[in-house]
PDB file of N, CA and C in Angstrom:
ATOM      1  N   GLN A   1     146.249 308.610 267.329  1.00  0.00           N
ATOM      2  CA  GLN A   1     146.018 307.790 266.149  1.00  0.00           C
ATOM      3  C   GLN A   1     147.334 307.357 265.543  1.00  0.00           C
ATOM      4  N   VAL A   2     147.270 306.226 264.863  1.00  0.00           N
ATOM      5  CA  VAL A   2     148.446 305.659 264.217  1.00  0.00           C
ATOM      6  C   VAL A   2     148.224 305.650 262.709  1.00  0.00           C
ATOM      7  N   GLN A   3     149.231 306.059 262.000  1.00  0.00           N
ATOM      8  CA  GLN A   3     149.165 306.040 260.539  1.00  0.00           C
ATOM      9  C   GLN A   3     150.279 305.159 259.990  1.00  0.00           C
ATOM     10  N   LEU A   4     149.946 304.472 258.902  1.00  0.00           N
ATOM     11  CA  LEU A   4     150.915 303.647 258.198  1.00  0.00           C
ATOM     12  C   LEU A   4     151.069 304.177 256.786  1.00  0.00           C
ATOM     13  N   VAL A   5     152.305 304.338 256.369  1.00  0.00           N
ATOM     14  CA  VAL A   5     152.584 304.786 255.003  1.00  0.00           C
ATOM     15  C   VAL A   5     153.390 303.705 254.305  1.00  0.00           C
ATOM     16  N   GLU A   6     152.813 303.161 253.256  1.00  0.00           N
ATOM     17  CA  GLU A   6     153.448 302.080 252.505  1.00  0.00           C
ATOM     18  C   GLU A   6     154.029 302.637 251.211  1.00  0.00           C
ATOM     19  N   SER A   7     155.076 301.988 250.751  1.00  0.00           N
ATOM     20  CA  SER A   7     155.662 302.353 249.465  1.00  0.00           C
ATOM     21  C   SER A   7     156.392 301.151 248.890  1.00  0.00           C
ATOM     22  N   GLY A   8     156.679 301.233 247.589  1.00  0.00           N
ATOM     23  CA  GLY A   8     157.517 300.230 246.960  1.00  0.00           C
ATOM     24  C   GLY A   8     156.824 299.274 246.020  1.00  0.00           C
ATOM     25  N   GLY A   9     155.522 299.348 245.908  1.00  0.00           N
ATOM     26  CA  GLY A   9     154.836 298.463 244.975  1.00  0.00           C
ATOM     27  C   GLY A   9     155.122 298.839 243.536  1.00  0.00           C
ATOM     28  N   GLY A  10     154.670 298.010 242.619  1.00  0.00           N
ATOM     29  CA  GLY A  10     154.868 298.307 241.202  1.00  0.00           C
ATOM     30  C   GLY A  10     154.683 297.089 240.338  1.00  0.00           C
ATOM     31  N   LEU A  11     155.162 297.227 239.104  1.00  0.00           N
ATOM     32  CA  LEU A  11     155.059 296.166 238.109  1.00  0.00           C
ATOM     33  C   LEU A  11     156.441 295.560 237.876  1.00  0.00           C
ATOM     34  N   VAL A  12     156.504 294.249 237.887  1.00  0.00           N
ATOM     35  CA  VAL A  12     157.782 293.562 237.688  1.00  0.00           C
ATOM     36  C   VAL A  12     157.528 292.273 236.924  1.00  0.00           C
ATOM     37  N   GLN A  13     158.525 291.826 236.192  1.00  0.00           N
ATOM     38  CA  GLN A  13     158.400 290.551 235.491  1.00  0.00           C
ATOM     39  C   GLN A  13     158.638 289.393 236.441  1.00  0.00           C
ATOM     40  N   ALA A  14     158.089 288.253 236.084  1.00  0.00           N
ATOM     41  CA  ALA A  14     158.302 287.049 236.884  1.00  0.00           C
ATOM     42  C   ALA A  14     159.801 286.805 237.060  1.00  0.00           C
ATOM     43  N   GLY A  15     160.174 286.444 238.283  1.00  0.00           N
ATOM     44  CA  GLY A  15     161.573 286.244 238.602  1.00  0.00           C
ATOM     45  C   GLY A  15     162.261 287.473 239.151  1.00  0.00           C
ATOM     46  N   GLY A  16     161.582 288.601 239.055  1.00  0.00           N
ATOM     47  CA  GLY A  16     162.146 289.851 239.523  1.00  0.00           C
ATOM     48  C   GLY A  16     161.948 290.071 241.014  1.00  0.00           C
ATOM     49  N   SER A  17     162.342 291.259 241.453  1.00  0.00           N
ATOM     50  CA  SER A  17     162.294 291.597 242.876  1.00  0.00           C
ATOM     51  C   SER A  17     161.647 292.957 243.092  1.00  0.00           C
ATOM     52  N   LEU A  18     161.061 293.098 244.257  1.00  0.00           N
ATOM     53  CA  LEU A  18     160.536 294.371 244.727  1.00  0.00           C
ATOM     54  C   LEU A  18     160.778 294.461 246.222  1.00  0.00           C
ATOM     55  N   ARG A  19     160.850 295.684 246.717  1.00  0.00           N
ATOM     56  CA  ARG A  19     160.994 295.902 248.147  1.00  0.00           C
ATOM     57  C   ARG A  19     159.904 296.859 248.612  1.00  0.00           C
ATOM     58  N   LEU A  20     159.115 296.399 249.564  1.00  0.00           N
ATOM     59  CA  LEU A  20     158.070 297.220 250.140  1.00  0.00           C
ATOM     60  C   LEU A  20     158.543 297.796 251.469  1.00  0.00           C
ATOM     61  N   SER A  21     158.069 299.002 251.761  1.00  0.00           N
ATOM     62  CA  SER A  21     158.353 299.622 253.046  1.00  0.00           C
ATOM     63  C   SER A  21     157.055 300.052 253.696  1.00  0.00           C
ATOM     64  N   CYS A  22     157.053 300.077 255.009  1.00  0.00           N
ATOM     65  CA  CYS A  22     155.880 300.530 255.753  1.00  0.00           C
ATOM     66  C   CYS A  22     156.370 301.245 257.005  1.00  0.00           C
ATOM     67  N   ALA A  23     156.047 302.518 257.099  1.00  0.00           N
ATOM     68  CA  ALA A  23     156.458 303.330 258.234  1.00  0.00           C
ATOM     69  C   ALA A  23     155.248 303.665 259.089  1.00  0.00           C
ATOM     70  N   ALA A  24     155.359 303.431 260.373  1.00  0.00           N
ATOM     71  CA  ALA A  24     154.285 303.739 261.317  1.00  0.00           C
ATOM     72  C   ALA A  24     154.610 305.042 262.037  1.00  0.00           C
ATOM     73  N   SER A  25     153.597 305.865 262.212  1.00  0.00           N
ATOM     74  CA  SER A  25     153.772 307.133 262.932  1.00  0.00           C
ATOM     75  C   SER A  25     152.515 307.438 263.722  1.00  0.00           C
ATOM     76  N   GLY A  26     152.663 308.378 264.648  1.00  0.00           N
ATOM     77  CA  GLY A  26     151.514 308.760 265.451  1.00  0.00           C
ATOM     78  C   GLY A  26     151.679 308.343 266.896  1.00  0.00           C
ATOM     79  N   SER A  27     150.570 308.066 267.522  1.00  0.00           N
ATOM     80  CA  SER A  27     150.567 307.737 268.955  1.00  0.00           C
ATOM     81  C   SER A  27     150.907 306.267 269.170  1.00  0.00           C
ATOM     82  N   ILE A  28     152.186 305.978 269.008  1.00  0.00           N
ATOM     83  CA  ILE A  28     152.655 304.598 269.157  1.00  0.00           C
ATOM     84  C   ILE A  28     153.387 304.473 270.471  1.00  0.00           C
ATOM     85  N   PHE A  29     152.851 303.682 271.367  1.00  0.00           N
ATOM     86  CA  PHE A  29     153.508 303.469 272.649  1.00  0.00           C
ATOM     87  C   PHE A  29     154.292 302.174 272.642  1.00  0.00           C
ATOM     88  N   SER A  30     153.748 301.168 272.030  1.00  0.00           N
ATOM     89  CA  SER A  30     154.501 299.935 271.881  1.00  0.00           C
ATOM     90  C   SER A  30     153.936 299.143 270.717  1.00  0.00           C
ATOM     91  N   ILE A  31     154.828 298.615 269.945  1.00  0.00           N
ATOM     92  CA  ILE A  31     154.453 297.766 268.812  1.00  0.00           C
ATOM     93  C   ILE A  31     154.675 296.316 269.214  1.00  0.00           C
ATOM     94  N   ASN A  32     153.664 295.498 269.008  1.00  0.00           N
ATOM     95  CA  ASN A  32     153.813 294.068 269.263  1.00  0.00           C
ATOM     96  C   ASN A  32     154.402 293.376 268.032  1.00  0.00           C
ATOM     97  N   THR A  33     153.729 293.567 266.909  1.00  0.00           N
ATOM     98  CA  THR A  33     154.190 292.992 265.644  1.00  0.00           C
ATOM     99  C   THR A  33     153.872 293.939 264.499  1.00  0.00           C
ATOM    100  N   MET A  34     154.592 293.785 263.421  1.00  0.00           N
ATOM    101  CA  MET A  34     154.246 294.418 262.149  1.00  0.00           C
ATOM    102  C   MET A  34     154.338 293.348 261.084  1.00  0.00           C
ATOM    103  N   GLY A  35     153.585 293.522 260.032  1.00  0.00           N
ATOM    104  CA  GLY A  35     153.631 292.517 258.988  1.00  0.00           C
ATOM    105  C   GLY A  35     152.851 292.914 257.758  1.00  0.00           C
ATOM    106  N   TRP A  36     152.627 291.918 256.918  1.00  0.00           N
ATOM    107  CA  TRP A  36     151.970 292.144 255.638  1.00  0.00           C
ATOM    108  C   TRP A  36     150.922 291.069 255.372  1.00  0.00           C
ATOM    109  N   TYR A  37     149.820 291.509 254.804  1.00  0.00           N
ATOM    110  CA  TYR A  37     148.813 290.644 254.223  1.00  0.00           C
ATOM    111  C   TYR A  37     148.700 291.027 252.751  1.00  0.00           C
ATOM    112  N   ARG A  38     148.044 290.203 251.990  1.00  0.00           N
ATOM    113  CA  ARG A  38     147.794 290.548 250.594  1.00  0.00           C
ATOM    114  C   ARG A  38     146.426 290.058 250.168  1.00  0.00           C
ATOM    115  N   GLN A  39     145.901 290.726 249.152  1.00  0.00           N
ATOM    116  CA  GLN A  39     144.596 290.352 248.625  1.00  0.00           C
ATOM    117  C   GLN A  39     144.630 290.415 247.112  1.00  0.00           C
ATOM    118  N   ALA A  40     144.454 289.263 246.501  1.00  0.00           N
ATOM    119  CA  ALA A  40     144.396 289.174 245.046  1.00  0.00           C
ATOM    120  C   ALA A  40     142.956 289.384 244.585  1.00  0.00           C
ATOM    121  N   PRO A  41     142.767 289.764 243.336  1.00  0.00           N
ATOM    122  CA  PRO A  41     141.398 289.985 242.831  1.00  0.00           C
ATOM    123  C   PRO A  41     140.527 288.751 242.990  1.00  0.00           C
ATOM    124  N   GLY A  42     139.359 288.944 243.576  1.00  0.00           N
ATOM    125  CA  GLY A  42     138.416 287.847 243.744  1.00  0.00           C
ATOM    126  C   GLY A  42     138.735 286.888 244.873  1.00  0.00           C
ATOM    127  N   LYS A  43     139.780 287.212 245.646  1.00  0.00           N
ATOM    128  CA  LYS A  43     140.176 286.328 246.747  1.00  0.00           C
ATOM    129  C   LYS A  43     140.137 287.061 248.076  1.00  0.00           C
ATOM    130  N   GLU A  44     140.148 286.289 249.138  1.00  0.00           N
ATOM    131  CA  GLU A  44     140.162 286.879 250.466  1.00  0.00           C
ATOM    132  C   GLU A  44     141.578 287.359 250.814  1.00  0.00           C
ATOM    133  N   ARG A  45     141.636 288.299 251.743  1.00  0.00           N
ATOM    134  CA  ARG A  45     142.925 288.771 252.215  1.00  0.00           C
ATOM    135  C   ARG A  45     143.621 287.621 252.940  1.00  0.00           C
ATOM    136  N   GLU A  46     144.914 287.446 252.670  1.00  0.00           N
ATOM    137  CA  GLU A  46     145.646 286.345 253.288  1.00  0.00           C
ATOM    138  C   GLU A  46     146.918 286.846 253.952  1.00  0.00           C
ATOM    139  N   PHE A  47     147.323 286.118 254.966  1.00  0.00           N
ATOM    140  CA  PHE A  47     148.547 286.419 255.707  1.00  0.00           C
ATOM    141  C   PHE A  47     149.768 286.142 254.841  1.00  0.00           C
ATOM    142  N   VAL A  48     150.746 287.036 254.925  1.00  0.00           N
ATOM    143  CA  VAL A  48     152.005 286.840 254.210  1.00  0.00           C
ATOM    144  C   VAL A  48     153.159 286.632 255.189  1.00  0.00           C
ATOM    145  N   VAL A  49     153.352 287.574 256.087  1.00  0.00           N
ATOM    146  CA  VAL A  49     154.490 287.500 256.995  1.00  0.00           C
ATOM    147  C   VAL A  49     154.276 288.488 258.134  1.00  0.00           C
ATOM    148  N   ARG A  50     154.884 288.197 259.294  1.00  0.00           N
ATOM    149  CA  ARG A  50     154.913 289.170 260.382  1.00  0.00           C
ATOM    150  C   ARG A  50     156.221 289.015 261.140  1.00  0.00           C
ATOM    151  N   ILE A  51     156.573 290.081 261.855  1.00  0.00           N
ATOM    152  CA  ILE A  51     157.786 290.083 262.661  1.00  0.00           C
ATOM    153  C   ILE A  51     157.455 290.664 264.025  1.00  0.00           C
ATOM    154  N   SER A  52     157.964 290.041 265.068  1.00  0.00           N
ATOM    155  CA  SER A  52     157.761 290.565 266.415  1.00  0.00           C
ATOM    156  C   SER A  52     158.726 291.720 266.634  1.00  0.00           C
ATOM    157  N   TRP A  53     158.251 292.725 267.323  1.00  0.00           N
ATOM    158  CA  TRP A  53     159.058 293.933 267.440  1.00  0.00           C
ATOM    159  C   TRP A  53     160.175 293.792 268.463  1.00  0.00           C
ATOM    160  N   SER A  54     159.966 293.023 269.498  1.00  0.00           N
ATOM    161  CA  SER A  54     160.987 292.913 270.535  1.00  0.00           C
ATOM    162  C   SER A  54     162.056 291.899 270.168  1.00  0.00           C
ATOM    163  N   GLY A  55     161.661 290.665 269.926  1.00  0.00           N
ATOM    164  CA  GLY A  55     162.645 289.628 269.666  1.00  0.00           C
ATOM    165  C   GLY A  55     162.989 289.427 268.211  1.00  0.00           C
ATOM    166  N   GLY A  56     162.176 289.965 267.319  1.00  0.00           N
ATOM    167  CA  GLY A  56     162.482 289.828 265.903  1.00  0.00           C
ATOM    168  C   GLY A  56     162.088 288.501 265.292  1.00  0.00           C
ATOM    169  N   SER A  57     161.271 287.714 265.991  1.00  0.00           N
ATOM    170  CA  SER A  57     160.837 286.437 265.402  1.00  0.00           C
ATOM    171  C   SER A  57     160.012 286.709 264.157  1.00  0.00           C
ATOM    172  N   ARG A  58     160.229 285.852 263.171  1.00  0.00           N
ATOM    173  CA  ARG A  58     159.561 286.016 261.881  1.00  0.00           C
ATOM    174  C   ARG A  58     158.683 284.819 261.568  1.00  0.00           C
ATOM    175  N   TYR A  59     157.529 285.065 261.000  1.00  0.00           N
ATOM    176  CA  TYR A  59     156.601 284.006 260.616  1.00  0.00           C
ATOM    177  C   TYR A  59     156.160 284.276 259.179  1.00  0.00           C
ATOM    178  N   TYR A  60     156.361 283.262 258.331  1.00  0.00           N
ATOM    179  CA  TYR A  60     156.064 283.392 256.912  1.00  0.00           C
ATOM    180  C   TYR A  60     154.971 282.420 256.484  1.00  0.00           C
ATOM    181  N   ALA A  61     154.164 282.851 255.540  1.00  0.00           N
ATOM    182  CA  ALA A  61     153.252 281.918 254.885  1.00  0.00           C
ATOM    183  C   ALA A  61     154.090 280.948 254.058  1.00  0.00           C
ATOM    184  N   ASP A  62     153.623 279.726 253.956  1.00  0.00           N
ATOM    185  CA  ASP A  62     154.375 278.719 253.199  1.00  0.00           C
ATOM    186  C   ASP A  62     154.612 279.160 251.759  1.00  0.00           C
ATOM    187  N   SER A  63     153.680 279.900 251.207  1.00  0.00           N
ATOM    188  CA  SER A  63     153.768 280.282 249.804  1.00  0.00           C
ATOM    189  C   SER A  63     154.904 281.257 249.509  1.00  0.00           C
ATOM    190  N   VAL A  64     155.440 281.902 250.545  1.00  0.00           N
ATOM    191  CA  VAL A  64     156.494 282.896 250.309  1.00  0.00           C
ATOM    192  C   VAL A  64     157.810 282.531 250.976  1.00  0.00           C
ATOM    193  N   LYS A  65     157.845 281.461 251.728  1.00  0.00           N
ATOM    194  CA  LYS A  65     159.069 281.056 252.413  1.00  0.00           C
ATOM    195  C   LYS A  65     160.210 280.852 251.414  1.00  0.00           C
ATOM    196  N   GLY A  66     161.358 281.381 251.767  1.00  0.00           N
ATOM    197  CA  GLY A  66     162.524 281.239 250.908  1.00  0.00           C
ATOM    198  C   GLY A  66     162.611 282.284 249.821  1.00  0.00           C
ATOM    199  N   ARG A  67     161.541 283.044 249.614  1.00  0.00           N
ATOM    200  CA  ARG A  67     161.543 284.087 248.571  1.00  0.00           C
ATOM    201  C   ARG A  67     161.394 285.489 249.163  1.00  0.00           C
ATOM    202  N   PHE A  68     160.616 285.615 250.218  1.00  0.00           N
ATOM    203  CA  PHE A  68     160.360 286.904 250.848  1.00  0.00           C
ATOM    204  C   PHE A  68     161.129 286.981 252.168  1.00  0.00           C
ATOM    205  N   THR A  69     161.589 288.184 252.491  1.00  0.00           N
ATOM    206  CA  THR A  69     162.284 288.409 253.751  1.00  0.00           C
ATOM    207  C   THR A  69     161.776 289.689 254.386  1.00  0.00           C
ATOM    208  N   ILE A  70     161.366 289.588 255.632  1.00  0.00           N
ATOM    209  CA  ILE A  70     160.909 290.767 256.367  1.00  0.00           C
ATOM    210  C   ILE A  70     162.011 291.218 257.307  1.00  0.00           C
ATOM    211  N   SER A  71     162.146 292.524 257.434  1.00  0.00           N
ATOM    212  CA  SER A  71     163.100 293.089 258.379  1.00  0.00           C
ATOM    213  C   SER A  71     162.488 294.340 258.986  1.00  0.00           C
ATOM    214  N   ARG A  72     163.133 294.834 260.031  1.00  0.00           N
ATOM    215  CA  ARG A  72     162.564 295.992 260.724  1.00  0.00           C
ATOM    216  C   ARG A  72     163.650 296.971 261.125  1.00  0.00           C
ATOM    217  N   ASP A  73     163.236 298.211 261.302  1.00  0.00           N
ATOM    218  CA  ASP A  73     164.084 299.254 261.869  1.00  0.00           C
ATOM    219  C   ASP A  73     163.297 299.825 263.042  1.00  0.00           C
ATOM    220  N   ASN A  74     163.649 299.396 264.228  1.00  0.00           N
ATOM    221  CA  ASN A  74     162.877 299.797 265.403  1.00  0.00           C
ATOM    222  C   ASN A  74     162.903 301.314 265.605  1.00  0.00           C
ATOM    223  N   ALA A  75     164.038 301.915 265.354  1.00  0.00           N
ATOM    224  CA  ALA A  75     164.176 303.350 265.585  1.00  0.00           C
ATOM    225  C   ALA A  75     163.257 304.157 264.677  1.00  0.00           C
ATOM    226  N   LYS A  76     162.987 303.624 263.497  1.00  0.00           N
ATOM    227  CA  LYS A  76     162.146 304.322 262.523  1.00  0.00           C
ATOM    228  C   LYS A  76     160.726 303.789 262.495  1.00  0.00           C
ATOM    229  N   ASN A  77     160.426 302.806 263.348  1.00  0.00           N
ATOM    230  CA  ASN A  77     159.096 302.155 263.331  1.00  0.00           C
ATOM    231  C   ASN A  77     158.725 301.753 261.902  1.00  0.00           C
ATOM    232  N   THR A  78     159.681 301.158 261.237  1.00  0.00           N
ATOM    233  CA  THR A  78     159.512 300.816 259.828  1.00  0.00           C
ATOM    234  C   THR A  78     159.805 299.340 259.616  1.00  0.00           C
ATOM    235  N   VAL A  79     159.011 298.733 258.751  1.00  0.00           N
ATOM    236  CA  VAL A  79     159.228 297.346 258.381  1.00  0.00           C
ATOM    237  C   VAL A  79     159.408 297.289 256.861  1.00  0.00           C
ATOM    238  N   TYR A  80     160.256 296.376 256.433  1.00  0.00           N
ATOM    239  CA  TYR A  80     160.560 296.209 255.018  1.00  0.00           C
ATOM    240  C   TYR A  80     160.224 294.777 254.592  1.00  0.00           C
ATOM    241  N   LEU A  81     159.801 294.635 253.360  1.00  0.00           N
ATOM    242  CA  LEU A  81     159.542 293.313 252.800  1.00  0.00           C
ATOM    243  C   LEU A  81     160.296 293.192 251.482  1.00  0.00           C
ATOM    244  N   GLN A  82     161.349 292.415 251.501  1.00  0.00           N
ATOM    245  CA  GLN A  82     162.117 292.136 250.289  1.00  0.00           C
ATOM    246  C   GLN A  82     161.498 290.925 249.615  1.00  0.00           C
ATOM    247  N   MET A  83     161.057 291.105 248.391  1.00  0.00           N
ATOM    248  CA  MET A  83     160.378 290.036 247.660  1.00  0.00           C
ATOM    249  C   MET A  83     161.219 289.662 246.441  1.00  0.00           C
ATOM    250  N   ASN A  84     161.729 288.445 246.448  1.00  0.00           N
ATOM    251  CA  ASN A  84     162.554 287.948 245.353  1.00  0.00           C
ATOM    252  C   ASN A  84     161.845 286.801 244.634  1.00  0.00           C
ATOM    253  N   SER A  85     162.340 286.479 243.466  1.00  0.00           N
ATOM    254  CA  SER A  85     161.780 285.367 242.681  1.00  0.00           C
ATOM    255  C   SER A  85     160.261 285.469 242.588  1.00  0.00           C
ATOM    256  N   LEU A  86     159.797 286.649 242.265  1.00  0.00           N
ATOM    257  CA  LEU A  86     158.358 286.886 242.235  1.00  0.00           C
ATOM    258  C   LEU A  86     157.672 286.067 241.151  1.00  0.00           C
ATOM    259  N   LYS A  87     156.458 285.658 241.448  1.00  0.00           N
ATOM    260  CA  LYS A  87     155.650 284.837 240.557  1.00  0.00           C
ATOM    261  C   LYS A  87     154.360 285.587 240.224  1.00  0.00           C
ATOM    262  N   PRO A  88     153.744 285.264 239.108  1.00  0.00           N
ATOM    263  CA  PRO A  88     152.461 285.920 238.782  1.00  0.00           C
ATOM    264  C   PRO A  88     151.423 285.759 239.891  1.00  0.00           C
ATOM    265  N   GLU A  89     151.467 284.647 240.608  1.00  0.00           N
ATOM    266  CA  GLU A  89     150.502 284.443 241.689  1.00  0.00           C
ATOM    267  C   GLU A  89     150.760 285.307 242.906  1.00  0.00           C
ATOM    268  N   ASP A  90     151.861 286.045 242.905  1.00  0.00           N
ATOM    269  CA  ASP A  90     152.121 287.007 243.976  1.00  0.00           C
ATOM    270  C   ASP A  90     151.406 288.333 243.707  1.00  0.00           C
ATOM    271  N   THR A  91     150.814 288.466 242.544  1.00  0.00           N
ATOM    272  CA  THR A  91     150.092 289.688 242.207  1.00  0.00           C
ATOM    273  C   THR A  91     148.939 289.913 243.181  1.00  0.00           C
ATOM    274  N   ALA A  92     148.932 291.083 243.803  1.00  0.00           N
ATOM    275  CA  ALA A  92     147.919 291.390 244.812  1.00  0.00           C
ATOM    276  C   ALA A  92     148.133 292.816 245.315  1.00  0.00           C
ATOM    277  N   VAL A  93     147.183 293.279 246.082  1.00  0.00           N
ATOM    278  CA  VAL A  93     147.393 294.490 246.879  1.00  0.00           C
ATOM    279  C   VAL A  93     147.967 294.035 248.214  1.00  0.00           C
ATOM    280  N   TYR A  94     149.099 294.597 248.566  1.00  0.00           N
ATOM    281  CA  TYR A  94     149.779 294.230 249.806  1.00  0.00           C
ATOM    282  C   TYR A  94     149.467 295.280 250.874  1.00  0.00           C
ATOM    283  N   TYR A  95     148.996 294.799 252.020  1.00  0.00           N
ATOM    284  CA  TYR A  95     148.605 295.665 253.115  1.00  0.00           C
ATOM    285  C   TYR A  95     149.557 295.488 254.294  1.00  0.00           C
ATOM    286  N   CYS A  96     150.069 296.590 254.759  1.00  0.00           N
ATOM    287  CA  CYS A  96     150.860 296.581 255.981  1.00  0.00           C
ATOM    288  C   CYS A  96     149.907 296.609 257.175  1.00  0.00           C
ATOM    289  N   VAL A  97     150.285 295.930 258.244  1.00  0.00           N
ATOM    290  CA  VAL A  97     149.475 295.931 259.454  1.00  0.00           C
ATOM    291  C   VAL A  97     150.392 296.006 260.659  1.00  0.00           C
ATOM    292  N   VAL A  98     149.993 296.810 261.624  1.00  0.00           N
ATOM    293  CA  VAL A  98     150.731 296.920 262.874  1.00  0.00           C
ATOM    294  C   VAL A  98     149.799 296.540 264.015  1.00  0.00           C
ATOM    295  N   ASN A  99     150.323 295.762 264.938  1.00  0.00           N
ATOM    296  CA  ASN A  99     149.556 295.365 266.117  1.00  0.00           C
ATOM    297  C   ASN A  99     150.088 296.139 267.315  1.00  0.00           C
ATOM    298  N   ILE A 100     149.270 297.061 267.799  1.00  0.00           N
ATOM    299  CA  ILE A 100     149.643 297.865 268.968  1.00  0.00           C
ATOM    300  C   ILE A 100     148.666 297.599 270.098  1.00  0.00           C
ATOM    301  N   GLY A 101     148.142 296.376 270.123  1.00  0.00           N
ATOM    302  CA  GLY A 101     147.052 296.041 271.026  1.00  0.00           C
ATOM    303  C   GLY A 101     145.753 295.962 270.240  1.00  0.00           C
ATOM    304  N   GLN A 102     145.779 296.590 269.111  1.00  0.00           N
ATOM    305  CA  GLN A 102     144.732 296.461 268.097  1.00  0.00           C
ATOM    306  C   GLN A 102     145.436 296.565 266.752  1.00  0.00           C
ATOM    307  N   ARG A 103     144.797 296.069 265.730  1.00  0.00           N
ATOM    308  CA  ARG A 103     145.406 296.119 264.402  1.00  0.00           C
ATOM    309  C   ARG A 103     145.088 297.432 263.719  1.00  0.00           C
ATOM    310  N   VAL A 104     146.113 297.990 263.113  1.00  0.00           N
ATOM    311  CA  VAL A 104     145.949 299.170 262.277  1.00  0.00           C
ATOM    312  C   VAL A 104     146.470 298.798 260.894  1.00  0.00           C
ATOM    313  N   TRP A 105     145.680 299.103 259.873  1.00  0.00           N
ATOM    314  CA  TRP A 105     146.003 298.713 258.505  1.00  0.00           C
ATOM    315  C   TRP A 105     146.461 299.908 257.677  1.00  0.00           C
ATOM    316  N   GLY A 106     147.374 299.631 256.759  1.00  0.00           N
ATOM    317  CA  GLY A 106     147.749 300.629 255.776  1.00  0.00           C
ATOM    318  C   GLY A 106     146.756 300.641 254.635  1.00  0.00           C
ATOM    319  N   GLN A 107     146.988 301.547 253.695  1.00  0.00           N
ATOM    320  CA  GLN A 107     146.044 301.719 252.594  1.00  0.00           C
ATOM    321  C   GLN A 107     146.258 300.697 251.486  1.00  0.00           C
ATOM    322  N   GLY A 108     147.386 300.033 251.498  1.00  0.00           N
ATOM    323  CA  GLY A 108     147.667 299.013 250.493  1.00  0.00           C
ATOM    324  C   GLY A 108     148.505 299.541 249.351  1.00  0.00           C
ATOM    325  N   THR A 109     149.321 298.669 248.802  1.00  0.00           N
ATOM    326  CA  THR A 109     150.133 299.016 247.644  1.00  0.00           C
ATOM    327  C   THR A 109     150.069 297.863 246.643  1.00  0.00           C
ATOM    328  N   GLN A 110     149.907 298.214 245.378  1.00  0.00           N
ATOM    329  CA  GLN A 110     149.709 297.200 244.354  1.00  0.00           C
ATOM    330  C   GLN A 110     151.039 296.601 243.912  1.00  0.00           C
ATOM    331  N   VAL A 111     151.070 295.282 243.859  1.00  0.00           N
ATOM    332  CA  VAL A 111     152.201 294.547 243.304  1.00  0.00           C
ATOM    333  C   VAL A 111     151.668 293.708 242.148  1.00  0.00           C
ATOM    334  N   THR A 112     152.229 293.906 240.980  1.00  0.00           N
ATOM    335  CA  THR A 112     151.803 293.169 239.799  1.00  0.00           C
ATOM    336  C   THR A 112     153.007 292.464 239.193  1.00  0.00           C
ATOM    337  N   VAL A 113     152.898 291.155 239.043  1.00  0.00           N
ATOM    338  CA  VAL A 113     153.974 290.351 238.476  1.00  0.00           C
ATOM    339  C   VAL A 113     153.497 289.784 237.142  1.00  0.00           C
ATOM    340  N   SER A 114     154.166 290.177 236.082  1.00  0.00           N
ATOM    341  CA  SER A 114     153.778 289.717 234.745  1.00  0.00           C
ATOM    342  C   SER A 114     154.534 288.445 234.379  1.00  0.00           C
ATOM    343  N   SER A 115     153.882 287.621 233.599  1.00  0.00           N
ATOM    344  CA  SER A 115     154.514 286.346 233.209  1.00  0.00           C
ATOM    345  C   SER A 115     155.309 286.492 231.923  1.00  0.00           C
TER     346      SER A 115
END
């Protein structure tokens, strides 16, 4: 089994920054991608960003391009999400996801941006 442990959520004012972390552990033989989705109240879960584990290619949702940056530490099976210039519309529960041939989801971490 694979477990994901997320950290770094919290409350921040608009324009501020937060950094999320997600560490994968367990029976991991190969990671294809890791990334983040988010779900705001009353809305569907949406894609935010992902990174390929081998080549490091990054794919961002248009809504976060230029503000969010994903990075990885292969040795630690950990992915980081640096979120800058946060907006109230970024408020959501952020879910880490790892693709190991199937998707495994984290428990989610709350990010709240006040105006």
